[in-house]
C-alpha atoms as a PDB file:
ATOM      1  CA  MET A   1     102.411 137.922  93.851  1.00  0.00           C
ATOM      2  CA  THR A   2     105.022 138.150  96.654  1.00  0.00           C
ATOM      3  CA  ASN A   3     105.636 138.859 100.341  1.00  0.00           C
ATOM      4  CA  ALA A   4     108.465 141.281  99.466  1.00  0.00           C
ATOM      5  CA  VAL A   5     108.517 144.660 101.302  1.00  0.00           C
ATOM      6  CA  LEU A   6     108.097 148.166  99.921  1.00  0.00           C
ATOM      7  CA  ARG A   7     110.197 150.836 101.581  1.00  0.00           C
ATOM      8  CA  VAL A   8     109.714 154.537 101.176  1.00  0.00           C
ATOM      9  CA  SER A   9     112.450 157.091 101.840  1.00  0.00           C
ATOM     10  CA  SER A  10     109.940 159.647 103.184  1.00  0.00           C
ATOM     11  CA  TYR A  11     106.296 160.742 103.090  1.00  0.00           C
ATOM     12  CA  ALA A  12     107.147 164.361 103.786  1.00  0.00           C
ATOM     13  CA  PRO A  13     105.823 167.096 101.514  1.00  0.00           C
ATOM     14  CA  GLY A  14     108.220 167.846  98.712  1.00  0.00           C
ATOM     15  CA  GLY A  15     110.732 165.392  97.387  1.00  0.00           C
ATOM     16  CA  PRO A  16     112.203 163.736  95.563  1.00  0.00           C
ATOM     17  CA  HIS A  17     111.412 160.545  97.466  1.00  0.00           C
ATOM     18  CA  VAL A  18     112.096 156.946  96.532  1.00  0.00           C
ATOM     19  CA  LEU A  19     109.930 153.778  96.869  1.00  0.00           C
ATOM     20  CA  LEU A  20     112.070 150.659  96.797  1.00  0.00           C
ATOM     21  CA  PHE A  21     110.705 147.111  96.394  1.00  0.00           C
ATOM     22  CA  ASN A  22     112.715 144.440  98.185  1.00  0.00           C
ATOM     23  CA  ASN A  23     115.711 146.765  98.724  1.00  0.00           C
ATOM     24  CA  ASN A  24     116.028 147.126  94.924  1.00  0.00           C
ATOM     25  CA  LEU A  25     116.679 143.437  94.396  1.00  0.00           C
ATOM     26  CA  PRO A  26     114.619 141.319  91.942  1.00  0.00           C
ATOM     27  CA  VAL A  27     111.946 139.201  93.564  1.00  0.00           C
ATOM     28  CA  ARG A  28     110.693 135.864  92.236  1.00  0.00           C
ATOM     29  CA  LEU A  29     106.954 136.122  91.722  1.00  0.00           C
ATOM     30  CA  HIS A  30     104.531 133.260  92.269  1.00  0.00           C
ATOM     31  CA  GLY A  31     104.068 131.579  88.902  1.00  0.00           C
ATOM     32  CA  PRO A  32     106.185 130.670  85.863  1.00  0.00           C
ATOM     33  CA  GLY A  33     109.701 131.786  86.849  1.00  0.00           C
ATOM     34  CA  ILE A  34     109.296 135.524  86.529  1.00  0.00           C
ATOM     35  CA  TRP A  35     111.279 137.988  88.572  1.00  0.00           C
ATOM     36  CA  PHE A  36     110.354 141.646  89.171  1.00  0.00           C
ATOM     37  CA  ALA A  37     112.205 144.730  90.369  1.00  0.00           C
ATOM     38  CA  LEU A  38     110.784 148.195  91.010  1.00  0.00           C
ATOM     39  CA  THR A  39     112.128 151.601  91.909  1.00  0.00           C
ATOM     40  CA  LEU A  40     109.722 154.552  91.841  1.00  0.00           C
ATOM     41  CA  ARG A  41     110.600 158.221  92.336  1.00  0.00           C
ATOM     42  CA  PHE A  42     107.920 160.627  93.561  1.00  0.00           C
ATOM     43  CA  ARG A  43     107.157 163.845  95.281  1.00  0.00           C
ATOM     44  CA  VAL A  44     104.317 164.797  97.672  1.00  0.00           C
ATOM     45  CA  THR A  45     102.433 167.987  96.921  1.00  0.00           C
ATOM     46  CA  GLU A  46      99.440 169.644  98.486  1.00  0.00           C
ATOM     47  CA  CYS A  47      96.288 168.902  96.433  1.00  0.00           C
ATOM     48  CA  ILE A  48      94.301 171.822  95.244  1.00  0.00           C
ATOM     49  CA  GLU A  49      91.394 169.720  93.823  1.00  0.00           C
ATOM     50  CA  ARG A  50      88.371 169.538  96.032  1.00  0.00           C
ATOM     51  CA  GLY A  51      87.325 166.122  97.295  1.00  0.00           C
ATOM     52  CA  ARG A  52      90.721 164.548  96.563  1.00  0.00           C
ATOM     53  CA  GLY A  53      92.242 164.673 100.011  1.00  0.00           C
ATOM     54  CA  ARG A  54      94.934 167.047 101.248  1.00  0.00           C
ATOM     55  CA  TRP A  55      98.012 165.468  99.635  1.00  0.00           C
ATOM     56  CA  ARG A  56      98.844 164.181  96.194  1.00  0.00           C
ATOM     57  CA  VAL A  57     101.674 161.830  95.154  1.00  0.00           C
ATOM     58  CA  GLU A  58     103.262 162.658  91.779  1.00  0.00           C
ATOM     59  CA  THR A  59     105.484 160.097  90.006  1.00  0.00           C
ATOM     60  CA  THR A  60     108.696 161.714  88.823  1.00  0.00           C
ATOM     61  CA  GLY A  61     110.537 158.646  87.538  1.00  0.00           C
ATOM     62  CA  TYR A  62     110.531 154.847  87.617  1.00  0.00           C
ATOM     63  CA  ARG A  63     112.221 151.657  86.634  1.00  0.00           C
ATOM     64  CA  TYR A  64     110.100 148.455  86.393  1.00  0.00           C
ATOM     65  CA  SER A  65     112.093 145.391  85.417  1.00  0.00           C
ATOM     66  CA  VAL A  66     110.627 142.031  84.329  1.00  0.00           C
ATOM     67  CA  GLN A  67     113.238 139.238  84.346  1.00  0.00           C
ATOM     68  CA  ASP A  68     113.383 135.525  83.578  1.00  0.00           C
ATOM     69  CA  ALA A  69     116.194 135.037  86.132  1.00  0.00           C
ATOM     70  CA  PRO A  70     117.530 137.302  88.911  1.00  0.00           C
ATOM     71  CA  ASP A  71     120.351 138.485  86.654  1.00  0.00           C
ATOM     72  CA  HIS A  72     118.585 138.400  83.218  1.00  0.00           C
ATOM     73  CA  GLU A  73     116.242 141.248  82.291  1.00  0.00           C
ATOM     74  CA  VAL A  74     113.646 140.604  79.616  1.00  0.00           C
ATOM     75  CA  LEU A  75     112.047 144.031  79.544  1.00  0.00           C
ATOM     76  CA  ARG A  76     112.247 147.231  81.521  1.00  0.00           C
ATOM     77  CA  TYR A  77     109.981 150.209  81.675  1.00  0.00           C
ATOM     78  CA  ASP A  78     112.089 153.360  82.366  1.00  0.00           C
ATOM     79  CA  TRP A  79     111.373 156.974  82.984  1.00  0.00           C
ATOM     80  CA  HIS A  80     114.265 159.030  84.289  1.00  0.00           C
ATOM     81  CA  PRO A  81     113.695 162.521  83.038  1.00  0.00           C
ATOM     82  CA  GLU A  82     116.635 164.089  84.893  1.00  0.00           C
ATOM     83  CA  SER A  83     119.400 161.544  84.516  1.00  0.00           C
ATOM     84  CA  GLN A  84     121.530 160.299  81.624  1.00  0.00           C
ATOM     85  CA  GLU A  85     121.688 156.813  80.162  1.00  0.00           C
ATOM     86  CA  GLY A  86     124.486 155.725  77.959  1.00  0.00           C
ATOM     87  CA  GLY A  87     125.946 159.313  77.998  1.00  0.00           C
ATOM     88  CA  ARG A  88     122.831 161.051  76.834  1.00  0.00           C
ATOM     89  CA  LEU A  89     119.641 162.435  78.363  1.00  0.00           C
ATOM     90  CA  VAL A  90     116.602 160.200  77.664  1.00  0.00           C
ATOM     91  CA  SER A  91     113.795 162.203  79.297  1.00  0.00           C
ATOM     92  CA  PHE A  92     110.793 160.393  77.903  1.00  0.00           C
ATOM     93  CA  PRO A  93     109.236 157.180  79.249  1.00  0.00           C
ATOM     94  CA  HIS A  94     110.572 154.210  77.316  1.00  0.00           C
ATOM     95  CA  LEU A  95     110.796 150.479  77.171  1.00  0.00           C
ATOM     96  CA  HIS A  96     113.978 148.325  76.968  1.00  0.00           C
ATOM     97  CA  VAL A  97     113.549 144.826  75.458  1.00  0.00           C
ATOM     98  CA  HIS A  98     116.135 142.077  75.736  1.00  0.00           C
ATOM     99  CA  ALA A  99     115.411 139.106  73.522  1.00  0.00           C
ATOM    100  CA  GLY A 100     117.977 136.429  72.819  1.00  0.00           C
ATOM    101  CA  ARG A 101     121.717 136.884  72.289  1.00  0.00           C
ATOM    102  CA  SER A 102     121.819 138.295  68.705  1.00  0.00           C
ATOM    103  CA  VAL A 103     118.899 140.661  69.055  1.00  0.00           C
ATOM    104  CA  GLY A 104     120.004 141.619  72.558  1.00  0.00           C
ATOM    105  CA  ARG A 105     123.259 143.037  71.175  1.00  0.00           C
ATOM    106  CA  TRP A 106     121.400 146.071  69.801  1.00  0.00           C
ATOM    107  CA  LEU A 107     117.829 145.991  70.951  1.00  0.00           C
ATOM    108  CA  HIS A 108     118.713 146.671  74.629  1.00  0.00           C
ATOM    109  CA  LYS A 109     120.342 149.945  73.579  1.00  0.00           C
ATOM    110  CA  VAL A 110     117.257 151.510  71.854  1.00  0.00           C
ATOM    111  CA  HIS A 111     114.644 153.541  73.679  1.00  0.00           C
ATOM    112  CA  LEU A 112     111.113 152.514  72.534  1.00  0.00           C
ATOM    113  CA  PRO A 113     108.734 155.363  73.503  1.00  0.00           C
ATOM    114  CA  THR A 114     105.832 154.224  75.618  1.00  0.00           C
ATOM    115  CA  GLY A 115     104.279 157.219  77.387  1.00  0.00           C
ATOM    116  CA  GLN A 116     104.216 157.074  81.181  1.00  0.00           C
ATOM    117  CA  VAL A 117     103.553 153.559  82.471  1.00  0.00           C
ATOM    118  CA  GLU A 118     101.854 153.331  85.865  1.00  0.00           C
ATOM    119  CA  VAL A 119     102.911 150.476  88.196  1.00  0.00           C
ATOM    120  CA  GLU A 120      99.266 149.222  88.206  1.00  0.00           C
ATOM    121  CA  SER A 121      99.497 148.567  84.460  1.00  0.00           C
ATOM    122  CA  VAL A 122     102.749 146.528  84.864  1.00  0.00           C
ATOM    123  CA  LEU A 123     101.183 144.526  87.689  1.00  0.00           C
ATOM    124  CA  ALA A 124      98.183 143.845  85.524  1.00  0.00           C
ATOM    125  CA  LEU A 125     100.508 142.674  82.686  1.00  0.00           C
ATOM    126  CA  LEU A 126     102.244 140.212  85.061  1.00  0.00           C
ATOM    127  CA  LEU A 127      98.979 138.848  86.410  1.00  0.00           C
ATOM    128  CA  ARG A 128      96.891 138.862  83.259  1.00  0.00           C
ATOM    129  CA  ASP A 129      99.379 138.102  80.477  1.00  0.00           C
ATOM    130  CA  LEU A 130     102.427 136.460  82.032  1.00  0.00           C
ATOM    131  CA  GLY A 131     100.778 133.856  84.309  1.00  0.00           C
ATOM    132  CA  VAL A 132     101.836 135.276  87.660  1.00  0.00           C
ATOM    133  CA  ARG A 133      99.471 133.983  90.354  1.00  0.00           C
ATOM    134  CA  ALA A 134      97.827 136.618  92.494  1.00  0.00           C
ATOM    135  CA  ARG A 135      97.762 136.148  96.266  1.00  0.00           C
ATOM    136  CA  ARG A 136      94.258 137.600  96.311  1.00  0.00           C
ATOM    137  CA  ARG A 137      91.233 136.812  94.201  1.00  0.00           C
ATOM    138  CA  ASP A 138      90.173 140.471  94.170  1.00  0.00           C
ATOM    139  CA  TRP A 139      93.375 141.770  92.467  1.00  0.00           C
ATOM    140  CA  LYS A 140      91.400 143.366  89.564  1.00  0.00           C
ATOM    141  CA  ARG A 141      89.235 145.314  91.924  1.00  0.00           C
ATOM    142  CA  ILE A 142      92.290 146.482  93.884  1.00  0.00           C
ATOM    143  CA  LEU A 143      94.130 147.576  90.774  1.00  0.00           C
ATOM    144  CA  ARG A 144      90.994 149.376  89.468  1.00  0.00           C
ATOM    145  CA  GLN A 145      90.632 151.189  92.829  1.00  0.00           C
ATOM    146  CA  ALA A 146      94.276 152.254  92.554  1.00  0.00           C
ATOM    147  CA  GLY A 147      93.433 153.918  89.239  1.00  0.00           C
ATOM    148  CA  GLY A 148      95.077 151.468  86.898  1.00  0.00           C
ATOM    149  CA  PRO A 149      93.718 151.106  83.383  1.00  0.00           C
ATOM    150  CA  LEU A 150      92.590 147.548  83.334  1.00  0.00           C
ATOM    151  CA  GLU A 151      91.259 145.533  80.442  1.00  0.00           C
ATOM    152  CA  ASP A 152      89.446 142.249  81.096  1.00  0.00           C
END
């Protein structure tokens, strides 16, 4: 998809920590002129489940943006349970859709509920449905191993 770099603020137990993709700037993906930006907030906790390893990473918020130009968002998956948007708290995961000038005047202001969206699901959407070319042939296996719900 890209050679852009992921940076993590910390791996230390606790949090909140932030994972930034390409220093929080949109990246052009290989394929049909699609740009992508990602910010993920998480915390590291000790895992109490047997056989799962010592540490667990828990997502505490995210912003996944799909764009048709570096400065034009088409859709954005958001979950920011502790911050305000437009002067009000929107604590549930939601989707922003920007479609054309007339619809975009109001549609970008609504919060379409989605449930929590894992980054693996968004990556699968880009690769499977939006024509982004994977850099590896085994991308489906990798996303499945990461725990992403993947439909063929």
